[in-house]
Amino acid sequence: MKTVKYLRFYCSLRGKRRLTFQPIFPLEFGVGMGLTGTVELPLHAGGVPRWLISRMTRLAKGVLTIMVDEHGVDEVLKRFSDPLWFQAFSCVLGFDWNSSGTTTVTCAVVKSVLANENLGLKMAGGKGFKSLQTLKELDVLGEELNLATGSVEGLKKASRLSAKVDNAAVQDGYSIYHHVILVC
């Protein structure tokens, strides 16, 4: 039976000018940790130009392909859990170092690359309405990665619990608006 490994990302607005990015490994992953780090970034308005998205997608495809070939999917997942590595990866793809869009846009770019490539990694969720589609997307990813039904249900439970904790137990007055799960 295949062991499912995953990493959750979520972002919460912290006032009008701050965003918190927290990648979280499940304790079952075997690295002995939950929260791997937090980064606070200034919140910027506006969108990313299409030319930059296109460039980021091409770069992400190349970088992710080489990383999986050289290090395997477990190491890629581990590196994505480090917020400083993730920030550096976003900068390699073309973002300014202190832009709040690095998390949401980089995850969207990575998700599109993984959807079109067979690297052994897939991503579900996204920003806004797409974050609400995470559970449906996990069903599709379960079929694509040939995961057991119990594994898919475990991922869905982790997704629901993390969203619930952020919205109910974390009494900061802010709502989760970006929710992504990276699965291998």
N, C-alpha and C. Protein backbone atom coordinates (compact mmCIF):
# COMPACT_ATOMS: atom_id res chain seq x y z
N MET A 1 0.84 -1.19 0.00
CA MET A 1 0.00 0.00 0.00
C MET A 1 0.88 1.25 0.00
N LYS A 2 0.57 2.19 -0.85
CA LYS A 2 1.35 3.41 -1.00
C LYS A 2 1.11 4.35 0.18
N THR A 3 2.20 4.87 0.75
CA THR A 3 2.09 5.86 1.81
C THR A 3 1.90 7.23 1.17
N VAL A 4 0.88 7.92 1.60
CA VAL A 4 0.59 9.24 1.06
C VAL A 4 1.31 10.29 1.90
N LYS A 5 2.01 11.17 1.24
CA LYS A 5 2.68 12.27 1.91
C LYS A 5 2.13 13.56 1.34
N TYR A 6 1.97 14.53 2.19
CA TYR A 6 1.39 15.79 1.72
C TYR A 6 1.87 16.95 2.55
N LEU A 7 1.65 18.12 2.04
CA LEU A 7 2.02 19.37 2.67
C LEU A 7 0.88 20.35 2.46
N ARG A 8 0.46 21.02 3.52
CA ARG A 8 -0.60 22.01 3.43
C ARG A 8 0.01 23.40 3.45
N PHE A 9 -0.53 24.28 2.66
CA PHE A 9 -0.20 25.69 2.73
C PHE A 9 -1.47 26.44 3.09
N TYR A 10 -1.37 27.42 3.92
CA TYR A 10 -2.52 28.31 4.03
C TYR A 10 -2.04 29.72 4.30
N CYS A 11 -2.84 30.64 3.89
CA CYS A 11 -2.54 32.05 4.08
C CYS A 11 -3.71 32.72 4.74
N SER A 12 -3.43 33.58 5.67
CA SER A 12 -4.46 34.37 6.32
C SER A 12 -4.05 35.83 6.23
N LEU A 13 -5.03 36.67 6.01
CA LEU A 13 -4.76 38.10 6.05
C LEU A 13 -4.59 38.52 7.48
N ARG A 14 -3.58 39.30 7.76
CA ARG A 14 -3.32 39.82 9.09
C ARG A 14 -3.42 41.34 9.00
N GLY A 15 -4.63 41.84 8.93
CA GLY A 15 -4.81 43.26 8.75
C GLY A 15 -4.73 43.61 7.28
N LYS A 16 -4.64 44.89 6.98
CA LYS A 16 -4.65 45.32 5.60
C LYS A 16 -3.29 45.22 4.93
N ARG A 17 -2.23 45.07 5.71
CA ARG A 17 -0.90 45.14 5.12
C ARG A 17 -0.05 43.90 5.33
N ARG A 18 -0.57 42.87 5.95
CA ARG A 18 0.26 41.69 6.24
C ARG A 18 -0.43 40.41 5.81
N LEU A 19 0.38 39.46 5.41
CA LEU A 19 -0.10 38.15 5.04
C LEU A 19 0.81 37.13 5.74
N THR A 20 0.23 36.10 6.32
CA THR A 20 1.02 35.05 6.95
C THR A 20 0.94 33.79 6.10
N PHE A 21 2.09 33.22 5.80
CA PHE A 21 2.20 32.00 5.00
C PHE A 21 2.74 30.91 5.91
N GLN A 22 2.02 29.80 6.02
CA GLN A 22 2.47 28.72 6.89
C GLN A 22 2.36 27.38 6.18
N PRO A 23 3.50 26.80 5.79
CA PRO A 23 3.46 25.42 5.31
C PRO A 23 3.49 24.49 6.52
N ILE A 24 2.69 23.45 6.49
CA ILE A 24 2.60 22.55 7.64
C ILE A 24 2.71 21.10 7.17
N PHE A 25 3.71 20.41 7.69
CA PHE A 25 3.84 18.97 7.46
C PHE A 25 2.96 18.25 8.45
N PRO A 26 2.29 17.18 8.03
CA PRO A 26 1.60 16.36 9.01
C PRO A 26 2.65 15.63 9.84
N LEU A 27 2.36 15.38 11.10
CA LEU A 27 3.32 14.70 11.96
C LEU A 27 3.63 13.30 11.46
N GLU A 28 2.69 12.68 10.73
CA GLU A 28 2.90 11.33 10.22
C GLU A 28 4.00 11.28 9.17
N PHE A 29 4.41 12.41 8.64
CA PHE A 29 5.40 12.41 7.56
C PHE A 29 6.72 11.83 8.03
N GLY A 30 6.97 11.86 9.33
CA GLY A 30 8.18 11.27 9.85
C GLY A 30 9.30 12.26 10.07
N VAL A 31 9.05 13.53 9.85
CA VAL A 31 10.10 14.51 10.10
C VAL A 31 9.98 15.09 11.50
N GLY A 32 8.98 14.65 12.25
CA GLY A 32 8.86 15.03 13.64
C GLY A 32 8.46 16.47 13.87
N MET A 33 7.73 17.06 12.95
CA MET A 33 7.33 18.45 13.15
C MET A 33 5.99 18.71 12.50
N GLY A 34 5.35 19.72 12.99
CA GLY A 34 4.11 20.17 12.39
C GLY A 34 4.41 21.44 11.60
N LEU A 35 4.21 22.58 12.22
CA LEU A 35 4.47 23.86 11.58
C LEU A 35 5.96 23.98 11.31
N THR A 36 6.32 24.26 10.07
CA THR A 36 7.73 24.35 9.71
C THR A 36 8.24 25.78 9.66
N GLY A 37 7.36 26.75 9.72
CA GLY A 37 7.80 28.13 9.71
C GLY A 37 6.68 29.07 9.33
N THR A 38 6.90 30.33 9.58
CA THR A 38 5.93 31.37 9.25
C THR A 38 6.68 32.54 8.63
N VAL A 39 6.12 33.09 7.60
CA VAL A 39 6.69 34.28 6.98
C VAL A 39 5.59 35.32 6.88
N GLU A 40 5.88 36.53 7.31
CA GLU A 40 4.93 37.63 7.14
C GLU A 40 5.44 38.53 6.03
N LEU A 41 4.55 38.85 5.11
CA LEU A 41 4.90 39.64 3.94
C LEU A 41 3.98 40.84 3.82
N PRO A 42 4.47 41.95 3.27
CA PRO A 42 3.57 43.09 3.05
C PRO A 42 2.54 42.72 1.98
N LEU A 43 1.33 43.18 2.16
CA LEU A 43 0.25 42.87 1.23
C LEU A 43 0.19 43.93 0.13
N HIS A 44 0.27 43.48 -1.12
CA HIS A 44 0.23 44.39 -2.26
C HIS A 44 -1.04 44.18 -3.06
N ALA A 45 -1.53 45.24 -3.65
CA ALA A 45 -2.72 45.16 -4.50
C ALA A 45 -2.29 44.92 -5.95
N GLY A 46 -3.25 44.50 -6.76
CA GLY A 46 -2.98 44.33 -8.18
C GLY A 46 -2.70 42.89 -8.56
N GLY A 47 -2.61 42.67 -9.85
CA GLY A 47 -2.38 41.33 -10.37
C GLY A 47 -1.01 41.18 -10.98
N VAL A 48 -0.70 39.96 -11.37
CA VAL A 48 0.57 39.65 -12.00
C VAL A 48 0.37 39.70 -13.52
N PRO A 49 1.26 40.36 -14.25
CA PRO A 49 1.12 40.42 -15.71
C PRO A 49 1.17 39.02 -16.34
N ARG A 50 0.41 38.85 -17.42
CA ARG A 50 0.36 37.54 -18.09
C ARG A 50 1.74 37.08 -18.57
N TRP A 51 2.56 38.02 -19.04
CA TRP A 51 3.88 37.63 -19.52
C TRP A 51 4.71 37.03 -18.39
N LEU A 52 4.53 37.54 -17.17
CA LEU A 52 5.29 37.00 -16.04
C LEU A 52 4.77 35.62 -15.65
N ILE A 53 3.45 35.43 -15.68
CA ILE A 53 2.88 34.11 -15.38
C ILE A 53 3.41 33.08 -16.38
N SER A 54 3.45 33.44 -17.65
CA SER A 54 3.95 32.53 -18.68
C SER A 54 5.41 32.17 -18.42
N ARG A 55 6.19 33.16 -18.09
CA ARG A 55 7.62 32.93 -17.79
C ARG A 55 7.78 32.08 -16.54
N MET A 56 7.02 32.39 -15.51
CA MET A 56 7.09 31.62 -14.26
C MET A 56 6.72 30.16 -14.50
N THR A 57 5.73 29.92 -15.34
CA THR A 57 5.29 28.55 -15.62
C THR A 57 6.40 27.77 -16.32
N ARG A 58 7.03 28.38 -17.30
CA ARG A 58 8.13 27.69 -18.01
C ARG A 58 9.29 27.40 -17.06
N LEU A 59 9.65 28.37 -16.24
CA LEU A 59 10.75 28.17 -15.29
C LEU A 59 10.39 27.11 -14.25
N ALA A 60 9.17 27.17 -13.73
CA ALA A 60 8.75 26.20 -12.71
C ALA A 60 8.77 24.78 -13.26
N LYS A 61 8.34 24.62 -14.50
CA LYS A 61 8.36 23.29 -15.12
C LYS A 61 9.78 22.74 -15.16
N GLY A 62 10.72 23.55 -15.60
CA GLY A 62 12.11 23.11 -15.67
C GLY A 62 12.70 22.80 -14.31
N VAL A 63 12.50 23.71 -13.37
CA VAL A 63 13.06 23.53 -12.02
C VAL A 63 12.46 22.31 -11.34
N LEU A 64 11.14 22.17 -11.39
CA LEU A 64 10.49 21.03 -10.73
C LEU A 64 10.89 19.70 -11.37
N THR A 65 11.01 19.67 -12.68
CA THR A 65 11.42 18.44 -13.36
C THR A 65 12.82 18.02 -12.91
N ILE A 66 13.74 18.95 -12.88
CA ILE A 66 15.10 18.65 -12.44
C ILE A 66 15.13 18.24 -10.97
N MET A 67 14.38 18.95 -10.13
CA MET A 67 14.36 18.61 -8.70
C MET A 67 13.85 17.20 -8.46
N VAL A 68 12.77 16.83 -9.14
CA VAL A 68 12.22 15.48 -8.97
C VAL A 68 13.21 14.44 -9.50
N ASP A 69 13.83 14.71 -10.65
CA ASP A 69 14.82 13.78 -11.21
C ASP A 69 16.03 13.62 -10.29
N GLU A 70 16.52 14.72 -9.75
CA GLU A 70 17.73 14.69 -8.93
C GLU A 70 17.49 14.24 -7.49
N HIS A 71 16.37 14.65 -6.90
CA HIS A 71 16.18 14.44 -5.47
C HIS A 71 14.96 13.60 -5.10
N GLY A 72 14.02 13.42 -6.00
CA GLY A 72 12.81 12.66 -5.71
C GLY A 72 11.71 13.52 -5.12
N VAL A 73 10.50 12.98 -5.13
CA VAL A 73 9.34 13.76 -4.71
C VAL A 73 9.34 14.05 -3.21
N ASP A 74 9.89 13.15 -2.40
CA ASP A 74 9.92 13.39 -0.95
C ASP A 74 10.75 14.63 -0.61
N GLU A 75 11.90 14.76 -1.26
CA GLU A 75 12.76 15.92 -1.01
C GLU A 75 12.11 17.21 -1.52
N VAL A 76 11.44 17.13 -2.65
CA VAL A 76 10.74 18.31 -3.18
C VAL A 76 9.67 18.75 -2.18
N LEU A 77 8.92 17.80 -1.66
CA LEU A 77 7.89 18.12 -0.67
C LEU A 77 8.51 18.74 0.58
N LYS A 78 9.63 18.19 1.02
CA LYS A 78 10.31 18.72 2.20
C LYS A 78 10.79 20.15 1.96
N ARG A 79 11.32 20.41 0.77
CA ARG A 79 11.80 21.77 0.48
C ARG A 79 10.65 22.77 0.40
N PHE A 80 9.54 22.34 -0.15
CA PHE A 80 8.37 23.24 -0.20
C PHE A 80 7.88 23.59 1.19
N SER A 81 8.20 22.79 2.19
CA SER A 81 7.73 23.07 3.55
C SER A 81 8.54 24.16 4.23
N ASP A 82 9.66 24.54 3.67
CA ASP A 82 10.51 25.58 4.24
C ASP A 82 10.09 26.93 3.65
N PRO A 83 9.53 27.83 4.46
CA PRO A 83 9.04 29.09 3.90
C PRO A 83 10.14 29.95 3.28
N LEU A 84 11.36 29.84 3.78
CA LEU A 84 12.45 30.62 3.18
C LEU A 84 12.85 30.02 1.83
N TRP A 85 12.87 28.70 1.73
CA TRP A 85 13.14 28.06 0.44
C TRP A 85 12.03 28.42 -0.55
N PHE A 86 10.79 28.36 -0.09
CA PHE A 86 9.65 28.69 -0.95
C PHE A 86 9.76 30.13 -1.45
N GLN A 87 10.15 31.03 -0.56
CA GLN A 87 10.32 32.43 -0.95
C GLN A 87 11.42 32.57 -2.00
N ALA A 88 12.53 31.86 -1.80
CA ALA A 88 13.62 31.89 -2.77
C ALA A 88 13.17 31.31 -4.11
N PHE A 89 12.40 30.22 -4.07
CA PHE A 89 11.86 29.61 -5.28
C PHE A 89 10.98 30.61 -6.03
N SER A 90 10.16 31.35 -5.29
CA SER A 90 9.31 32.37 -5.91
C SER A 90 10.15 33.45 -6.58
N CYS A 91 11.24 33.82 -5.94
CA CYS A 91 12.13 34.83 -6.53
C CYS A 91 12.82 34.30 -7.78
N VAL A 92 13.21 33.03 -7.77
CA VAL A 92 13.81 32.41 -8.96
C VAL A 92 12.83 32.47 -10.12
N LEU A 93 11.55 32.28 -9.81
CA LEU A 93 10.52 32.31 -10.85
C LEU A 93 10.20 33.71 -11.35
N GLY A 94 10.66 34.74 -10.63
CA GLY A 94 10.49 36.10 -11.14
C GLY A 94 9.82 37.09 -10.22
N PHE A 95 9.53 36.72 -8.98
CA PHE A 95 8.87 37.64 -8.06
C PHE A 95 9.87 38.50 -7.31
N ASP A 96 9.42 39.67 -6.86
CA ASP A 96 10.21 40.47 -5.93
C ASP A 96 10.26 39.74 -4.60
N TRP A 97 11.31 39.93 -3.84
CA TRP A 97 11.52 39.17 -2.61
C TRP A 97 10.45 39.43 -1.55
N ASN A 98 9.84 40.59 -1.55
CA ASN A 98 8.91 40.91 -0.46
C ASN A 98 7.47 41.05 -0.92
N SER A 99 7.09 40.40 -1.98
CA SER A 99 5.74 40.53 -2.50
C SER A 99 4.82 39.48 -1.88
N SER A 100 3.65 39.91 -1.44
CA SER A 100 2.70 38.98 -0.83
C SER A 100 2.13 38.01 -1.86
N GLY A 101 2.15 38.35 -3.12
CA GLY A 101 1.63 37.47 -4.15
C GLY A 101 2.47 36.24 -4.39
N THR A 102 3.65 36.19 -3.78
CA THR A 102 4.52 35.04 -4.01
C THR A 102 3.83 33.73 -3.64
N THR A 103 3.11 33.71 -2.56
CA THR A 103 2.49 32.45 -2.12
C THR A 103 1.38 32.02 -3.05
N THR A 104 0.40 32.87 -3.25
CA THR A 104 -0.76 32.48 -4.04
C THR A 104 -0.41 32.24 -5.50
N VAL A 105 0.37 33.13 -6.08
CA VAL A 105 0.69 32.99 -7.50
C VAL A 105 1.66 31.84 -7.73
N THR A 106 2.66 31.69 -6.88
CA THR A 106 3.60 30.58 -7.05
C THR A 106 2.88 29.25 -6.91
N CYS A 107 1.97 29.13 -5.95
CA CYS A 107 1.20 27.89 -5.81
C CYS A 107 0.33 27.65 -7.05
N ALA A 108 -0.27 28.70 -7.60
CA ALA A 108 -1.08 28.54 -8.81
C ALA A 108 -0.23 28.09 -9.99
N VAL A 109 0.96 28.65 -10.11
CA VAL A 109 1.87 28.27 -11.19
C VAL A 109 2.31 26.81 -11.01
N VAL A 110 2.69 26.45 -9.79
CA VAL A 110 3.12 25.07 -9.52
C VAL A 110 1.97 24.10 -9.77
N LYS A 111 0.77 24.48 -9.35
CA LYS A 111 -0.40 23.62 -9.58
C LYS A 111 -0.62 23.39 -11.07
N SER A 112 -0.50 24.44 -11.88
CA SER A 112 -0.71 24.27 -13.33
C SER A 112 0.38 23.39 -13.94
N VAL A 113 1.61 23.55 -13.49
CA VAL A 113 2.71 22.71 -14.00
C VAL A 113 2.47 21.26 -13.63
N LEU A 114 2.13 21.00 -12.36
CA LEU A 114 1.94 19.63 -11.90
C LEU A 114 0.72 18.98 -12.55
N ALA A 115 -0.28 19.77 -12.91
CA ALA A 115 -1.46 19.22 -13.57
C ALA A 115 -1.12 18.72 -14.97
N ASN A 116 -0.13 19.34 -15.60
CA ASN A 116 0.22 19.00 -16.98
C ASN A 116 1.44 18.09 -17.10
N GLU A 117 2.08 17.77 -15.98
CA GLU A 117 3.27 16.93 -16.01
C GLU A 117 3.05 15.71 -15.12
N ASN A 118 3.75 14.65 -15.41
CA ASN A 118 3.68 13.44 -14.60
C ASN A 118 4.94 13.33 -13.76
N LEU A 119 5.00 14.12 -12.68
CA LEU A 119 6.17 14.16 -11.82
C LEU A 119 5.97 13.41 -10.51
N GLY A 120 4.78 12.87 -10.28
CA GLY A 120 4.51 12.17 -9.03
C GLY A 120 4.03 13.08 -7.92
N LEU A 121 3.82 14.34 -8.23
CA LEU A 121 3.29 15.34 -7.30
C LEU A 121 2.06 15.96 -7.93
N LYS A 122 1.09 16.29 -7.11
CA LYS A 122 -0.11 17.00 -7.58
C LYS A 122 -0.51 17.99 -6.50
N MET A 123 -1.25 19.01 -6.90
CA MET A 123 -1.70 20.03 -5.96
C MET A 123 -3.20 20.24 -6.10
N ALA A 124 -3.86 20.41 -4.96
CA ALA A 124 -5.30 20.69 -4.93
C ALA A 124 -5.53 21.99 -4.17
N GLY A 125 -6.58 22.70 -4.53
CA GLY A 125 -6.95 23.93 -3.82
C GLY A 125 -6.50 25.16 -4.56
N GLY A 126 -6.45 26.27 -3.83
CA GLY A 126 -6.05 27.53 -4.43
C GLY A 126 -6.54 28.71 -3.61
N LYS A 127 -6.72 29.82 -4.30
CA LYS A 127 -7.12 31.07 -3.66
C LYS A 127 -8.61 31.30 -3.87
N GLY A 128 -9.28 31.82 -2.85
CA GLY A 128 -10.69 32.18 -2.97
C GLY A 128 -11.58 30.98 -3.23
N PHE A 129 -12.38 31.05 -4.30
CA PHE A 129 -13.32 29.98 -4.63
C PHE A 129 -12.60 28.66 -4.87
N LYS A 130 -11.41 28.71 -5.46
CA LYS A 130 -10.66 27.48 -5.73
C LYS A 130 -10.31 26.74 -4.45
N SER A 131 -10.16 27.47 -3.35
CA SER A 131 -9.87 26.80 -2.08
C SER A 131 -11.06 25.95 -1.63
N LEU A 132 -12.26 26.34 -2.04
CA LEU A 132 -13.46 25.58 -1.68
C LEU A 132 -13.60 24.32 -2.52
N GLN A 133 -12.84 24.22 -3.59
CA GLN A 133 -12.89 23.05 -4.47
C GLN A 133 -11.86 21.98 -4.08
N THR A 134 -11.14 22.20 -3.00
CA THR A 134 -10.05 21.29 -2.62
C THR A 134 -10.53 19.85 -2.47
N LEU A 135 -11.64 19.63 -1.80
CA LEU A 135 -12.11 18.26 -1.56
C LEU A 135 -12.44 17.54 -2.86
N LYS A 136 -13.09 18.24 -3.79
CA LYS A 136 -13.40 17.64 -5.09
C LYS A 136 -12.12 17.34 -5.87
N GLU A 137 -11.19 18.26 -5.81
CA GLU A 137 -9.93 18.06 -6.52
C GLU A 137 -9.13 16.90 -5.93
N LEU A 138 -9.24 16.68 -4.62
CA LEU A 138 -8.54 15.56 -4.00
C LEU A 138 -9.07 14.22 -4.51
N ASP A 139 -10.36 14.15 -4.79
CA ASP A 139 -10.91 12.92 -5.38
C ASP A 139 -10.26 12.64 -6.74
N VAL A 140 -10.14 13.68 -7.55
CA VAL A 140 -9.53 13.54 -8.88
C VAL A 140 -8.05 13.17 -8.74
N LEU A 141 -7.34 13.84 -7.83
CA LEU A 141 -5.92 13.55 -7.63
C LEU A 141 -5.71 12.13 -7.12
N GLY A 142 -6.64 11.66 -6.29
CA GLY A 142 -6.55 10.29 -5.79
C GLY A 142 -6.55 9.29 -6.93
N GLU A 143 -7.39 9.54 -7.93
CA GLU A 143 -7.43 8.66 -9.10
C GLU A 143 -6.15 8.79 -9.93
N GLU A 144 -5.69 10.03 -10.13
CA GLU A 144 -4.49 10.25 -10.94
C GLU A 144 -3.25 9.63 -10.30
N LEU A 145 -3.14 9.71 -8.97
CA LEU A 145 -1.98 9.16 -8.27
C LEU A 145 -2.20 7.72 -7.81
N ASN A 146 -3.37 7.16 -8.15
CA ASN A 146 -3.71 5.78 -7.80
C ASN A 146 -3.65 5.56 -6.28
N LEU A 147 -4.28 6.47 -5.53
CA LEU A 147 -4.30 6.38 -4.07
C LEU A 147 -5.49 5.56 -3.61
N ALA A 148 -5.32 4.88 -2.50
CA ALA A 148 -6.42 4.12 -1.91
C ALA A 148 -7.49 5.09 -1.43
N THR A 149 -8.73 4.62 -1.39
CA THR A 149 -9.85 5.45 -0.94
C THR A 149 -9.61 5.99 0.46
N GLY A 150 -9.05 5.16 1.34
CA GLY A 150 -8.76 5.60 2.70
C GLY A 150 -7.74 6.73 2.75
N SER A 151 -6.77 6.69 1.85
CA SER A 151 -5.77 7.76 1.78
C SER A 151 -6.40 9.07 1.33
N VAL A 152 -7.26 8.99 0.34
CA VAL A 152 -7.95 10.19 -0.15
C VAL A 152 -8.83 10.76 0.95
N GLU A 153 -9.53 9.90 1.66
CA GLU A 153 -10.38 10.37 2.76
C GLU A 153 -9.53 11.01 3.86
N GLY A 154 -8.34 10.47 4.11
CA GLY A 154 -7.43 11.07 5.08
C GLY A 154 -6.98 12.46 4.66
N LEU A 155 -6.69 12.63 3.38
CA LEU A 155 -6.32 13.94 2.86
C LEU A 155 -7.47 14.93 2.99
N LYS A 156 -8.67 14.46 2.68
CA LYS A 156 -9.85 15.33 2.79
C LYS A 156 -10.09 15.73 4.24
N LYS A 157 -9.88 14.79 5.15
CA LYS A 157 -10.05 15.10 6.58
C LYS A 157 -9.01 16.14 7.02
N ALA A 158 -7.76 15.97 6.58
CA ALA A 158 -6.72 16.94 6.92
C ALA A 158 -7.06 18.32 6.37
N SER A 159 -7.61 18.36 5.17
CA SER A 159 -8.01 19.63 4.56
C SER A 159 -9.11 20.31 5.36
N ARG A 160 -10.14 19.54 5.69
CA ARG A 160 -11.26 20.11 6.46
C ARG A 160 -10.80 20.58 7.84
N LEU A 161 -9.99 19.76 8.51
CA LEU A 161 -9.54 20.12 9.86
C LEU A 161 -8.67 21.37 9.85
N SER A 162 -7.76 21.47 8.89
CA SER A 162 -6.89 22.64 8.87
C SER A 162 -7.68 23.92 8.59
N ALA A 163 -8.65 23.83 7.69
CA ALA A 163 -9.49 25.00 7.42
C ALA A 163 -10.33 25.36 8.64
N LYS A 164 -10.84 24.34 9.32
CA LYS A 164 -11.66 24.58 10.52
C LYS A 164 -10.83 25.21 11.63
N VAL A 165 -9.62 24.70 11.83
CA VAL A 165 -8.76 25.26 12.87
C VAL A 165 -8.46 26.73 12.57
N ASP A 166 -8.14 27.03 11.33
CA ASP A 166 -7.83 28.42 11.00
C ASP A 166 -9.04 29.33 11.16
N ASN A 167 -10.21 28.86 10.77
CA ASN A 167 -11.39 29.72 10.83
C ASN A 167 -12.06 29.76 12.19
N ALA A 168 -11.91 28.71 13.00
CA ALA A 168 -12.64 28.66 14.27
C ALA A 168 -11.73 28.74 15.49
N ALA A 169 -10.65 27.99 15.49
CA ALA A 169 -9.81 27.93 16.68
C ALA A 169 -8.81 29.07 16.77
N VAL A 170 -8.34 29.54 15.63
CA VAL A 170 -7.41 30.67 15.63
C VAL A 170 -8.26 31.93 15.70
N GLN A 171 -8.34 32.50 16.87
CA GLN A 171 -9.22 33.64 17.09
C GLN A 171 -8.51 34.95 16.77
N ASP A 172 -8.14 35.12 15.50
CA ASP A 172 -7.45 36.34 15.10
C ASP A 172 -8.35 37.30 14.33
N GLY A 173 -9.58 36.86 14.04
CA GLY A 173 -10.52 37.72 13.34
C GLY A 173 -10.36 37.74 11.84
N TYR A 174 -9.47 36.93 11.30
CA TYR A 174 -9.25 36.89 9.86
C TYR A 174 -9.62 35.53 9.30
N SER A 175 -10.06 35.51 8.06
CA SER A 175 -10.48 34.27 7.41
C SER A 175 -9.38 33.74 6.50
N ILE A 176 -9.34 32.42 6.40
CA ILE A 176 -8.43 31.77 5.46
C ILE A 176 -8.91 32.10 4.05
N TYR A 177 -7.99 32.44 3.15
CA TYR A 177 -8.40 32.72 1.77
C TYR A 177 -7.56 31.96 0.76
N HIS A 178 -6.57 31.24 1.21
CA HIS A 178 -5.74 30.43 0.31
C HIS A 178 -5.47 29.12 1.02
N HIS A 179 -5.86 28.03 0.37
CA HIS A 179 -5.74 26.71 0.99
C HIS A 179 -5.32 25.73 -0.09
N VAL A 180 -4.13 25.15 0.06
CA VAL A 180 -3.57 24.26 -0.95
C VAL A 180 -2.97 23.04 -0.27
N ILE A 181 -3.11 21.89 -0.92
CA ILE A 181 -2.45 20.67 -0.45
C ILE A 181 -1.60 20.14 -1.59
N LEU A 182 -0.32 19.92 -1.30
CA LEU A 182 0.62 19.33 -2.25
C LEU A 182 0.77 17.86 -1.87
N VAL A 183 0.47 16.96 -2.80
CA VAL A 183 0.40 15.52 -2.51
C VAL A 183 1.39 14.76 -3.38
N CYS A 184 2.06 13.77 -2.77
CA CYS A 184 2.89 12.86 -3.57
C CYS A 184 2.59 11.43 -3.17
